[in-house]
Amino acid sequence: MLATTTIPVSKPRPWRPSPPRLGGGGGNGGLVVECSSRPKKKATAHHMKTRPKKTQPWDIRRKGPTIYPPLPPLPPDWTLVTEDQPLPQPPQDAGGLSPTPSAS
């Protein structure tokens, strides 16, 4: 018995002109990106994805920053003095210490 093998032969495809390319139309022309299989995350999305996650129970239950009562208003930097008003006196030290040493 003779073994015969057949090889399938495909029909030749008709020639079609290629679509125009970017970059001047030469053979070594432009680079065209059609689809990215691994797109890059933009800055905020990257920071949100890679930020440190809270894993400890005490840290997960922790609330936001402490809110303190507002500070009293600061005294004015400048005080306008007219000739009719006396000069304001600086506050005295409450510790009982005098600015000049006492001789004993």
PDB file of N, CA and C in Angstrom:
ATOM      1  N   MET A   1       0.810  -1.154   0.000  1.00  0.00           N
ATOM      2  CA  MET A   1       0.000   0.000   0.000  1.00  0.00           C
ATOM      3  C   MET A   1       0.871   1.241   0.000  1.00  0.00           C
ATOM      4  N   LEU A   2       0.466   2.121  -0.754  1.00  0.00           N
ATOM      5  CA  LEU A   2       1.194   3.380  -0.864  1.00  0.00           C
ATOM      6  C   LEU A   2       0.496   4.434  -0.022  1.00  0.00           C
ATOM      7  N   ALA A   3       1.286   5.135   0.716  1.00  0.00           N
ATOM      8  CA  ALA A   3       0.725   6.212   1.548  1.00  0.00           C
ATOM      9  C   ALA A   3       0.847   7.521   0.781  1.00  0.00           C
ATOM     10  N   THR A   4      -0.233   8.171   0.658  1.00  0.00           N
ATOM     11  CA  THR A   4      -0.214   9.457  -0.036  1.00  0.00           C
ATOM     12  C   THR A   4      -0.528  10.560   0.971  1.00  0.00           C
ATOM     13  N   THR A   5       0.142  11.624   0.868  1.00  0.00           N
ATOM     14  CA  THR A   5      -0.127  12.776   1.733  1.00  0.00           C
ATOM     15  C   THR A   5      -0.574  13.934   0.867  1.00  0.00           C
ATOM     16  N   THR A   6      -1.519  14.608   1.332  1.00  0.00           N
ATOM     17  CA  THR A   6      -1.983  15.779   0.602  1.00  0.00           C
ATOM     18  C   THR A   6      -1.646  17.024   1.401  1.00  0.00           C
ATOM     19  N   ILE A   7      -1.192  18.016   0.763  1.00  0.00           N
ATOM     20  CA  ILE A   7      -0.848  19.294   1.396  1.00  0.00           C
ATOM     21  C   ILE A   7      -1.868  20.315   0.918  1.00  0.00           C
ATOM     22  N   PRO A   8      -2.601  20.911   1.852  1.00  0.00           N
ATOM     23  CA  PRO A   8      -3.570  21.906   1.415  1.00  0.00           C
ATOM     24  C   PRO A   8      -2.862  23.155   0.886  1.00  0.00           C
ATOM     25  N   VAL A   9      -3.339  23.655  -0.188  1.00  0.00           N
ATOM     26  CA  VAL A   9      -2.761  24.848  -0.803  1.00  0.00           C
ATOM     27  C   VAL A   9      -3.809  25.951  -0.691  1.00  0.00           C
ATOM     28  N   SER A  10      -3.380  27.090  -0.108  1.00  0.00           N
ATOM     29  CA  SER A  10      -4.326  28.186   0.040  1.00  0.00           C
ATOM     30  C   SER A  10      -4.304  29.057  -1.212  1.00  0.00           C
ATOM     31  N   LYS A  11      -5.401  29.686  -1.445  1.00  0.00           N
ATOM     32  CA  LYS A  11      -5.490  30.567  -2.586  1.00  0.00           C
ATOM     33  C   LYS A  11      -4.683  31.827  -2.313  1.00  0.00           C
ATOM     34  N   PRO A  12      -4.079  32.380  -3.300  1.00  0.00           N
ATOM     35  CA  PRO A  12      -3.355  33.639  -3.083  1.00  0.00           C
ATOM     36  C   PRO A  12      -4.361  34.766  -2.816  1.00  0.00           C
ATOM     37  N   ARG A  13      -4.018  35.623  -1.866  1.00  0.00           N
ATOM     38  CA  ARG A  13      -4.900  36.732  -1.519  1.00  0.00           C
ATOM     39  C   ARG A  13      -4.730  37.868  -2.518  1.00  0.00           C
ATOM     40  N   PRO A  14      -5.798  38.542  -2.855  1.00  0.00           N
ATOM     41  CA  PRO A  14      -5.649  39.681  -3.758  1.00  0.00           C
ATOM     42  C   PRO A  14      -4.912  40.810  -3.044  1.00  0.00           C
ATOM     43  N   TRP A  15      -4.135  41.563  -3.791  1.00  0.00           N
ATOM     44  CA  TRP A  15      -3.361  42.665  -3.210  1.00  0.00           C
ATOM     45  C   TRP A  15      -4.272  43.829  -2.901  1.00  0.00           C
ATOM     46  N   ARG A  16      -4.131  44.355  -1.649  1.00  0.00           N
ATOM     47  CA  ARG A  16      -4.887  45.544  -1.253  1.00  0.00           C
ATOM     48  C   ARG A  16      -3.900  46.620  -0.852  1.00  0.00           C
ATOM     49  N   PRO A  17      -4.171  47.864  -1.209  1.00  0.00           N
ATOM     50  CA  PRO A  17      -3.251  48.929  -0.778  1.00  0.00           C
ATOM     51  C   PRO A  17      -3.332  49.100   0.740  1.00  0.00           C
ATOM     52  N   SER A  18      -2.207  49.365   1.354  1.00  0.00           N
ATOM     53  CA  SER A  18      -2.181  49.545   2.800  1.00  0.00           C
ATOM     54  C   SER A  18      -2.729  50.927   3.146  1.00  0.00           C
ATOM     55  N   PRO A  19      -3.303  51.072   4.344  1.00  0.00           N
ATOM     56  CA  PRO A  19      -3.830  52.382   4.737  1.00  0.00           C
ATOM     57  C   PRO A  19      -2.686  53.375   4.927  1.00  0.00           C
ATOM     58  N   PRO A  20      -2.957  54.656   4.746  1.00  0.00           N
ATOM     59  CA  PRO A  20      -1.892  55.652   4.905  1.00  0.00           C
ATOM     60  C   PRO A  20      -1.395  55.676   6.341  1.00  0.00           C
ATOM     61  N   ARG A  21      -0.112  55.902   6.526  1.00  0.00           N
ATOM     62  CA  ARG A  21       0.504  55.937   7.847  1.00  0.00           C
ATOM     63  C   ARG A  21       0.884  57.361   8.207  1.00  0.00           C
ATOM     64  N   LEU A  22       0.997  57.592   9.512  1.00  0.00           N
ATOM     65  CA  LEU A  22       1.443  58.901   9.980  1.00  0.00           C
ATOM     66  C   LEU A  22       2.951  58.987   9.852  1.00  0.00           C
ATOM     67  N   GLY A  23       3.452  60.196   9.710  1.00  0.00           N
ATOM     68  CA  GLY A  23       4.891  60.379   9.720  1.00  0.00           C
ATOM     69  C   GLY A  23       5.492  60.554   8.343  1.00  0.00           C
ATOM     70  N   GLY A  24       4.780  61.013   7.388  1.00  0.00           N
ATOM     71  CA  GLY A  24       5.375  61.344   6.096  1.00  0.00           C
ATOM     72  C   GLY A  24       5.178  60.300   5.023  1.00  0.00           C
ATOM     73  N   GLY A  25       4.681  59.132   5.328  1.00  0.00           N
ATOM     74  CA  GLY A  25       4.387  58.144   4.308  1.00  0.00           C
ATOM     75  C   GLY A  25       5.572  57.298   3.895  1.00  0.00           C
ATOM     76  N   GLY A  26       6.767  57.556   4.409  1.00  0.00           N
ATOM     77  CA  GLY A  26       7.932  56.735   4.072  1.00  0.00           C
ATOM     78  C   GLY A  26       7.889  55.418   4.801  1.00  0.00           C
ATOM     79  N   GLY A  27       8.749  54.501   4.429  1.00  0.00           N
ATOM     80  CA  GLY A  27       8.790  53.197   5.066  1.00  0.00           C
ATOM     81  C   GLY A  27       9.275  53.248   6.501  1.00  0.00           C
ATOM     82  N   ASN A  28      10.090  54.228   6.850  1.00  0.00           N
ATOM     83  CA  ASN A  28      10.619  54.315   8.208  1.00  0.00           C
ATOM     84  C   ASN A  28       9.908  55.408   9.007  1.00  0.00           C
ATOM     85  N   GLY A  29       8.676  55.698   8.684  1.00  0.00           N
ATOM     86  CA  GLY A  29       7.953  56.851   9.204  1.00  0.00           C
ATOM     87  C   GLY A  29       7.516  56.749  10.646  1.00  0.00           C
ATOM     88  N   GLY A  30       6.359  57.323  10.923  1.00  0.00           N
ATOM     89  CA  GLY A  30       5.893  57.565  12.279  1.00  0.00           C
ATOM     90  C   GLY A  30       5.535  56.327  13.065  1.00  0.00           C
ATOM     91  N   LEU A  31       5.425  56.534  14.334  1.00  0.00           N
ATOM     92  CA  LEU A  31       5.076  55.473  15.262  1.00  0.00           C
ATOM     93  C   LEU A  31       3.620  55.662  15.640  1.00  0.00           C
ATOM     94  N   VAL A  32       2.806  54.657  15.456  1.00  0.00           N
ATOM     95  CA  VAL A  32       1.389  54.755  15.731  1.00  0.00           C
ATOM     96  C   VAL A  32       1.050  53.821  16.877  1.00  0.00           C
ATOM     97  N   VAL A  33       0.442  54.376  17.931  1.00  0.00           N
ATOM     98  CA  VAL A  33       0.009  53.572  19.065  1.00  0.00           C
ATOM     99  C   VAL A  33      -1.488  53.386  18.926  1.00  0.00           C
ATOM    100  N   GLU A  34      -1.904  52.152  18.695  1.00  0.00           N
ATOM    101  CA  GLU A  34      -3.325  51.894  18.504  1.00  0.00           C
ATOM    102  C   GLU A  34      -4.014  51.550  19.808  1.00  0.00           C
ATOM    103  N   CYS A  35      -3.387  50.698  20.612  1.00  0.00           N
ATOM    104  CA  CYS A  35      -4.006  50.255  21.845  1.00  0.00           C
ATOM    105  C   CYS A  35      -2.895  49.891  22.824  1.00  0.00           C
ATOM    106  N   SER A  36      -3.076  50.267  24.063  1.00  0.00           N
ATOM    107  CA  SER A  36      -2.074  49.942  25.071  1.00  0.00           C
ATOM    108  C   SER A  36      -2.615  48.798  25.925  1.00  0.00           C
ATOM    109  N   SER A  37      -1.841  47.743  26.055  1.00  0.00           N
ATOM    110  CA  SER A  37      -2.303  46.620  26.861  1.00  0.00           C
ATOM    111  C   SER A  37      -2.098  46.878  28.347  1.00  0.00           C
ATOM    112  N   ARG A  38      -1.165  47.759  28.709  1.00  0.00           N
ATOM    113  CA  ARG A  38      -0.925  48.097  30.106  1.00  0.00           C
ATOM    114  C   ARG A  38      -0.918  49.615  30.259  1.00  0.00           C
ATOM    115  N   PRO A  39      -2.091  50.211  30.370  1.00  0.00           N
ATOM    116  CA  PRO A  39      -2.125  51.674  30.466  1.00  0.00           C
ATOM    117  C   PRO A  39      -1.544  52.141  31.792  1.00  0.00           C
ATOM    118  N   LYS A  40      -0.909  53.289  31.788  1.00  0.00           N
ATOM    119  CA  LYS A  40      -0.328  53.867  32.997  1.00  0.00           C
ATOM    120  C   LYS A  40      -1.398  54.625  33.757  1.00  0.00           C
ATOM    121  N   LYS A  41      -1.332  54.552  35.093  1.00  0.00           N
ATOM    122  CA  LYS A  41      -2.254  55.334  35.908  1.00  0.00           C
ATOM    123  C   LYS A  41      -1.742  56.768  35.974  1.00  0.00           C
ATOM    124  N   LYS A  42      -2.680  57.700  36.022  1.00  0.00           N
ATOM    125  CA  LYS A  42      -2.281  59.090  36.179  1.00  0.00           C
ATOM    126  C   LYS A  42      -1.927  59.320  37.637  1.00  0.00           C
ATOM    127  N   ALA A  43      -1.398  60.472  37.953  1.00  0.00           N
ATOM    128  CA  ALA A  43      -0.778  60.724  39.257  1.00  0.00           C
ATOM    129  C   ALA A  43      -1.712  60.446  40.434  1.00  0.00           C
ATOM    130  N   THR A  44      -2.902  61.046  40.452  1.00  0.00           N
ATOM    131  CA  THR A  44      -3.782  60.883  41.609  1.00  0.00           C
ATOM    132  C   THR A  44      -4.273  59.453  41.735  1.00  0.00           C
ATOM    133  N   ALA A  45      -4.614  58.837  40.618  1.00  0.00           N
ATOM    134  CA  ALA A  45      -5.073  57.443  40.669  1.00  0.00           C
ATOM    135  C   ALA A  45      -3.956  56.540  41.178  1.00  0.00           C
ATOM    136  N   HIS A  46      -2.722  56.813  40.792  1.00  0.00           N
ATOM    137  CA  HIS A  46      -1.591  56.003  41.249  1.00  0.00           C
ATOM    138  C   HIS A  46      -1.394  56.171  42.758  1.00  0.00           C
ATOM    139  N   HIS A  47      -1.469  57.420  43.249  1.00  0.00           N
ATOM    140  CA  HIS A  47      -1.275  57.649  44.682  1.00  0.00           C
ATOM    141  C   HIS A  47      -2.398  57.017  45.499  1.00  0.00           C
ATOM    142  N   MET A  48      -3.612  57.050  44.989  1.00  0.00           N
ATOM    143  CA  MET A  48      -4.719  56.433  45.719  1.00  0.00           C
ATOM    144  C   MET A  48      -4.574  54.911  45.756  1.00  0.00           C
ATOM    145  N   LYS A  49      -4.072  54.315  44.685  1.00  0.00           N
ATOM    146  CA  LYS A  49      -3.938  52.862  44.640  1.00  0.00           C
ATOM    147  C   LYS A  49      -2.773  52.369  45.490  1.00  0.00           C
ATOM    148  N   THR A  50      -1.680  53.124  45.539  1.00  0.00           N
ATOM    149  CA  THR A  50      -0.475  52.651  46.215  1.00  0.00           C
ATOM    150  C   THR A  50      -0.266  53.283  47.585  1.00  0.00           C
ATOM    151  N   ARG A  51      -1.254  53.985  48.119  1.00  0.00           N
ATOM    152  CA  ARG A  51      -1.066  54.596  49.434  1.00  0.00           C
ATOM    153  C   ARG A  51      -1.052  53.524  50.511  1.00  0.00           C
ATOM    154  N   PRO A  52      -0.436  53.817  51.655  1.00  0.00           N
ATOM    155  CA  PRO A  52      -0.432  52.822  52.726  1.00  0.00           C
ATOM    156  C   PRO A  52      -1.846  52.585  53.255  1.00  0.00           C
ATOM    157  N   LYS A  53      -2.240  51.348  53.389  1.00  0.00           N
ATOM    158  CA  LYS A  53      -3.573  50.998  53.855  1.00  0.00           C
ATOM    159  C   LYS A  53      -3.550  50.808  55.370  1.00  0.00           C
ATOM    160  N   LYS A  54      -4.650  51.167  56.017  1.00  0.00           N
ATOM    161  CA  LYS A  54      -4.770  50.955  57.461  1.00  0.00           C
ATOM    162  C   LYS A  54      -5.144  49.498  57.707  1.00  0.00           C
ATOM    163  N   THR A  55      -4.295  48.782  58.435  1.00  0.00           N
ATOM    164  CA  THR A  55      -4.556  47.375  58.705  1.00  0.00           C
ATOM    165  C   THR A  55      -4.770  47.097  60.189  1.00  0.00           C
ATOM    166  N   GLN A  56      -4.261  47.963  61.069  1.00  0.00           N
ATOM    167  CA  GLN A  56      -4.415  47.744  62.501  1.00  0.00           C
ATOM    168  C   GLN A  56      -5.786  48.227  62.959  1.00  0.00           C
ATOM    169  N   PRO A  57      -6.466  47.459  63.844  1.00  0.00           N
ATOM    170  CA  PRO A  57      -7.797  47.881  64.299  1.00  0.00           C
ATOM    171  C   PRO A  57      -7.800  49.245  64.975  1.00  0.00           C
ATOM    172  N   TRP A  58      -6.780  49.542  65.783  1.00  0.00           N
ATOM    173  CA  TRP A  58      -6.748  50.831  66.469  1.00  0.00           C
ATOM    174  C   TRP A  58      -6.594  51.970  65.468  1.00  0.00           C
ATOM    175  N   ASP A  59      -5.938  51.707  64.346  1.00  0.00           N
ATOM    176  CA  ASP A  59      -5.724  52.744  63.344  1.00  0.00           C
ATOM    177  C   ASP A  59      -6.971  52.937  62.483  1.00  0.00           C
ATOM    178  N   ILE A  60      -7.716  51.838  62.243  1.00  0.00           N
ATOM    179  CA  ILE A  60      -8.934  51.932  61.433  1.00  0.00           C
ATOM    180  C   ILE A  60      -9.998  52.725  62.187  1.00  0.00           C
ATOM    181  N   ARG A  61     -10.089  52.522  63.504  1.00  0.00           N
ATOM    182  CA  ARG A  61     -11.103  53.220  64.303  1.00  0.00           C
ATOM    183  C   ARG A  61     -10.722  54.658  64.621  1.00  0.00           C
ATOM    184  N   ARG A  62      -9.493  55.052  64.324  1.00  0.00           N
ATOM    185  CA  ARG A  62      -9.018  56.379  64.680  1.00  0.00           C
ATOM    186  C   ARG A  62      -9.766  57.443  63.880  1.00  0.00           C
ATOM    187  N   LYS A  63     -10.136  58.493  64.547  1.00  0.00           N
ATOM    188  CA  LYS A  63     -10.862  59.579  63.895  1.00  0.00           C
ATOM    189  C   LYS A  63      -9.867  60.558  63.275  1.00  0.00           C
ATOM    190  N   GLY A  64     -10.384  61.623  62.742  1.00  0.00           N
ATOM    191  CA  GLY A  64      -9.560  62.640  62.095  1.00  0.00           C
ATOM    192  C   GLY A  64      -8.763  63.456  63.101  1.00  0.00           C
ATOM    193  N   PRO A  65      -8.219  64.570  62.670  1.00  0.00           N
ATOM    194  CA  PRO A  65      -7.393  65.385  63.567  1.00  0.00           C
ATOM    195  C   PRO A  65      -8.226  66.006  64.689  1.00  0.00           C
ATOM    196  N   THR A  66      -7.575  66.276  65.814  1.00  0.00           N
ATOM    197  CA  THR A  66      -8.231  66.874  66.963  1.00  0.00           C
ATOM    198  C   THR A  66      -8.619  68.310  66.634  1.00  0.00           C
ATOM    199  N   ILE A  67      -9.835  68.693  67.019  1.00  0.00           N
ATOM    200  CA  ILE A  67     -10.296  70.060  66.782  1.00  0.00           C
ATOM    201  C   ILE A  67     -10.194  70.819  68.099  1.00  0.00           C
ATOM    202  N   TYR A  68      -9.391  71.860  68.130  1.00  0.00           N
ATOM    203  CA  TYR A  68      -9.177  72.669  69.321  1.00  0.00           C
ATOM    204  C   TYR A  68     -10.052  73.911  69.248  1.00  0.00           C
ATOM    205  N   PRO A  69     -10.387  74.506  70.429  1.00  0.00           N
ATOM    206  CA  PRO A  69     -11.159  75.752  70.392  1.00  0.00           C
ATOM    207  C   PRO A  69     -10.313  76.865  69.767  1.00  0.00           C
ATOM    208  N   PRO A  70     -10.962  77.846  69.156  1.00  0.00           N
ATOM    209  CA  PRO A  70     -10.185  78.915  68.515  1.00  0.00           C
ATOM    210  C   PRO A  70      -9.422  79.744  69.534  1.00  0.00           C
ATOM    211  N   LEU A  71      -8.301  80.280  69.127  1.00  0.00           N
ATOM    212  CA  LEU A  71      -7.477  81.112  69.994  1.00  0.00           C
ATOM    213  C   LEU A  71      -8.119  82.489  70.147  1.00  0.00           C
ATOM    214  N   PRO A  72      -7.860  83.167  71.278  1.00  0.00           N
ATOM    215  CA  PRO A  72      -8.401  84.530  71.425  1.00  0.00           C
ATOM    216  C   PRO A  72      -7.709  85.465  70.434  1.00  0.00           C
ATOM    217  N   PRO A  73      -8.346  86.574  70.128  1.00  0.00           N
ATOM    218  CA  PRO A  73      -7.711  87.498  69.178  1.00  0.00           C
ATOM    219  C   PRO A  73      -6.417  88.064  69.735  1.00  0.00           C
ATOM    220  N   LEU A  74      -5.467  88.271  68.859  1.00  0.00           N
ATOM    221  CA  LEU A  74      -4.179  88.808  69.268  1.00  0.00           C
ATOM    222  C   LEU A  74      -4.293  90.304  69.525  1.00  0.00           C
ATOM    223  N   PRO A  75      -3.433  90.846  70.405  1.00  0.00           N
ATOM    224  CA  PRO A  75      -3.453  92.294  70.611  1.00  0.00           C
ATOM    225  C   PRO A  75      -2.935  92.999  69.349  1.00  0.00           C
ATOM    226  N   PRO A  76      -3.334  94.226  69.146  1.00  0.00           N
ATOM    227  CA  PRO A  76      -2.884  94.929  67.938  1.00  0.00           C
ATOM    228  C   PRO A  76      -1.384  95.171  67.973  1.00  0.00           C
ATOM    229  N   ASP A  77      -0.774  95.151  66.807  1.00  0.00           N
ATOM    230  CA  ASP A  77       0.669  95.403  66.714  1.00  0.00           C
ATOM    231  C   ASP A  77       1.004  96.870  66.940  1.00  0.00           C
ATOM    232  N   TRP A  78       0.125  97.719  66.507  1.00  0.00           N
ATOM    233  CA  TRP A  78       0.359  99.155  66.600  1.00  0.00           C
ATOM    234  C   TRP A  78      -0.776  99.801  67.392  1.00  0.00           C
ATOM    235  N   THR A  79      -0.434 100.755  68.217  1.00  0.00           N
ATOM    236  CA  THR A  79      -1.435 101.522  68.945  1.00  0.00           C
ATOM    237  C   THR A  79      -1.239 102.987  68.588  1.00  0.00           C
ATOM    238  N   LEU A  80      -2.273 103.608  68.059  1.00  0.00           N
ATOM    239  CA  LEU A  80      -2.189 105.023  67.725  1.00  0.00           C
ATOM    240  C   LEU A  80      -2.396 105.844  68.991  1.00  0.00           C
ATOM    241  N   VAL A  81      -1.498 106.781  69.218  1.00  0.00           N
ATOM    242  CA  VAL A  81      -1.562 107.625  70.409  1.00  0.00           C
ATOM    243  C   VAL A  81      -1.675 109.067  69.945  1.00  0.00           C
ATOM    244  N   THR A  82      -2.633 109.762  70.487  1.00  0.00           N
ATOM    245  CA  THR A  82      -2.765 111.195  70.206  1.00  0.00           C
ATOM    246  C   THR A  82      -2.202 111.972  71.380  1.00  0.00           C
ATOM    247  N   GLU A  83      -2.098 113.287  71.233  1.00  0.00           N
ATOM    248  CA  GLU A  83      -1.536 114.115  72.314  1.00  0.00           C
ATOM    249  C   GLU A  83      -2.464 114.160  73.517  1.00  0.00           C
ATOM    250  N   ASP A  84      -3.746 113.909  73.311  1.00  0.00           N
ATOM    251  CA  ASP A  84      -4.704 113.962  74.408  1.00  0.00           C
ATOM    252  C   ASP A  84      -4.644 112.716  75.286  1.00  0.00           C
ATOM    253  N   GLN A  85      -4.193 111.584  74.726  1.00  0.00           N
ATOM    254  CA  GLN A  85      -4.201 110.325  75.469  1.00  0.00           C
ATOM    255  C   GLN A  85      -2.810 110.045  76.036  1.00  0.00           C
ATOM    256  N   PRO A  86      -2.722 109.494  77.257  1.00  0.00           N
ATOM    257  CA  PRO A  86      -1.403 109.122  77.803  1.00  0.00           C
ATOM    258  C   PRO A  86      -0.900 107.848  77.119  1.00  0.00           C
ATOM    259  N   LEU A  87       0.402 107.620  77.214  1.00  0.00           N
ATOM    260  CA  LEU A  87       0.992 106.418  76.631  1.00  0.00           C
ATOM    261  C   LEU A  87       0.550 105.194  77.423  1.00  0.00           C
ATOM    262  N   PRO A  88       0.230 104.080  76.747  1.00  0.00           N
ATOM    263  CA  PRO A  88      -0.140 102.870  77.491  1.00  0.00           C
ATOM    264  C   PRO A  88       1.087 102.293  78.187  1.00  0.00           C
ATOM    265  N   GLN A  89       0.867 101.791  79.399  1.00  0.00           N
ATOM    266  CA  GLN A  89       1.955 101.210  80.186  1.00  0.00           C
ATOM    267  C   GLN A  89       2.137  99.747  79.812  1.00  0.00           C
ATOM    268  N   PRO A  90       3.384  99.252  79.709  1.00  0.00           N
ATOM    269  CA  PRO A  90       3.586  97.828  79.435  1.00  0.00           C
ATOM    270  C   PRO A  90       3.107  97.000  80.617  1.00  0.00           C
ATOM    271  N   PRO A  91       2.666  95.766  80.386  1.00  0.00           N
ATOM    272  CA  PRO A  91       2.176  94.939  81.500  1.00  0.00           C
ATOM    273  C   PRO A  91       3.304  94.608  82.474  1.00  0.00           C
ATOM    274  N   GLN A  92       2.965  94.591  83.779  1.00  0.00           N
ATOM    275  CA  GLN A  92       3.937  94.273  84.819  1.00  0.00           C
ATOM    276  C   GLN A  92       4.101  92.768  84.932  1.00  0.00           C
ATOM    277  N   ASP A  93       5.315  92.320  85.331  1.00  0.00           N
ATOM    278  CA  ASP A  93       5.585  90.900  85.512  1.00  0.00           C
ATOM    279  C   ASP A  93       4.846  90.406  86.747  1.00  0.00           C
ATOM    280  N   ALA A  94       4.072  89.355  86.623  1.00  0.00           N
ATOM    281  CA  ALA A  94       3.265  88.841  87.725  1.00  0.00           C
ATOM    282  C   ALA A  94       4.060  87.961  88.669  1.00  0.00           C
ATOM    283  N   GLY A  95       5.306  87.643  88.346  1.00  0.00           N
ATOM    284  CA  GLY A  95       6.095  86.737  89.171  1.00  0.00           C
ATOM    285  C   GLY A  95       6.669  87.402  90.400  1.00  0.00           C
ATOM    286  N   GLY A  96       6.559  88.709  90.548  1.00  0.00           N
ATOM    287  CA  GLY A  96       7.083  89.389  91.722  1.00  0.00           C
ATOM    288  C   GLY A  96       8.557  89.705  91.598  1.00  0.00           C
ATOM    289  N   LEU A  97       9.164  89.450  90.475  1.00  0.00           N
ATOM    290  CA  LEU A  97      10.578  89.759  90.310  1.00  0.00           C
ATOM    291  C   LEU A  97      10.719  91.176  89.791  1.00  0.00           C
ATOM    292  N   SER A  98      11.621  91.893  90.363  1.00  0.00           N
ATOM    293  CA  SER A  98      11.838  93.275  89.895  1.00  0.00           C
ATOM    294  C   SER A  98      12.925  93.243  88.841  1.00  0.00           C
ATOM    295  N   PRO A  99      12.899  94.166  87.893  1.00  0.00           N
ATOM    296  CA  PRO A  99      13.902  94.149  86.837  1.00  0.00           C
ATOM    297  C   PRO A  99      15.283  94.520  87.340  1.00  0.00           C
ATOM    298  N   THR A 100      15.393  95.226  88.481  1.00  0.00           N
ATOM    299  CA  THR A 100      16.717  95.586  88.997  1.00  0.00           C
ATOM    300  C   THR A 100      17.027  94.716  90.194  1.00  0.00           C
ATOM    301  N   PRO A 101      18.241  94.248  90.325  1.00  0.00           N
ATOM    302  CA  PRO A 101      18.586  93.412  91.487  1.00  0.00           C
ATOM    303  C   PRO A 101      18.583  94.248  92.764  1.00  0.00           C
ATOM    304  N   SER A 102      18.100  93.675  93.821  1.00  0.00           N
ATOM    305  CA  SER A 102      18.060  94.376  95.103  1.00  0.00           C
ATOM    306  C   SER A 102      19.367  94.125  95.851  1.00  0.00           C
ATOM    307  N   ALA A 103      19.867  95.182  96.497  1.00  0.00           N
ATOM    308  CA  ALA A 103      21.122  95.059  97.259  1.00  0.00           C
ATOM    309  C   ALA A 103      20.781  94.708  98.698  1.00  0.00           C
ATOM    310  N   SER A 104      21.401  93.695  99.268  1.00  0.00           N
ATOM    311  CA  SER A 104      21.118  93.284 100.628  1.00  0.00           C
ATOM    312  C   SER A 104      22.305  93.502 101.504  1.00  0.00           C
TER     313      SER A 104
END
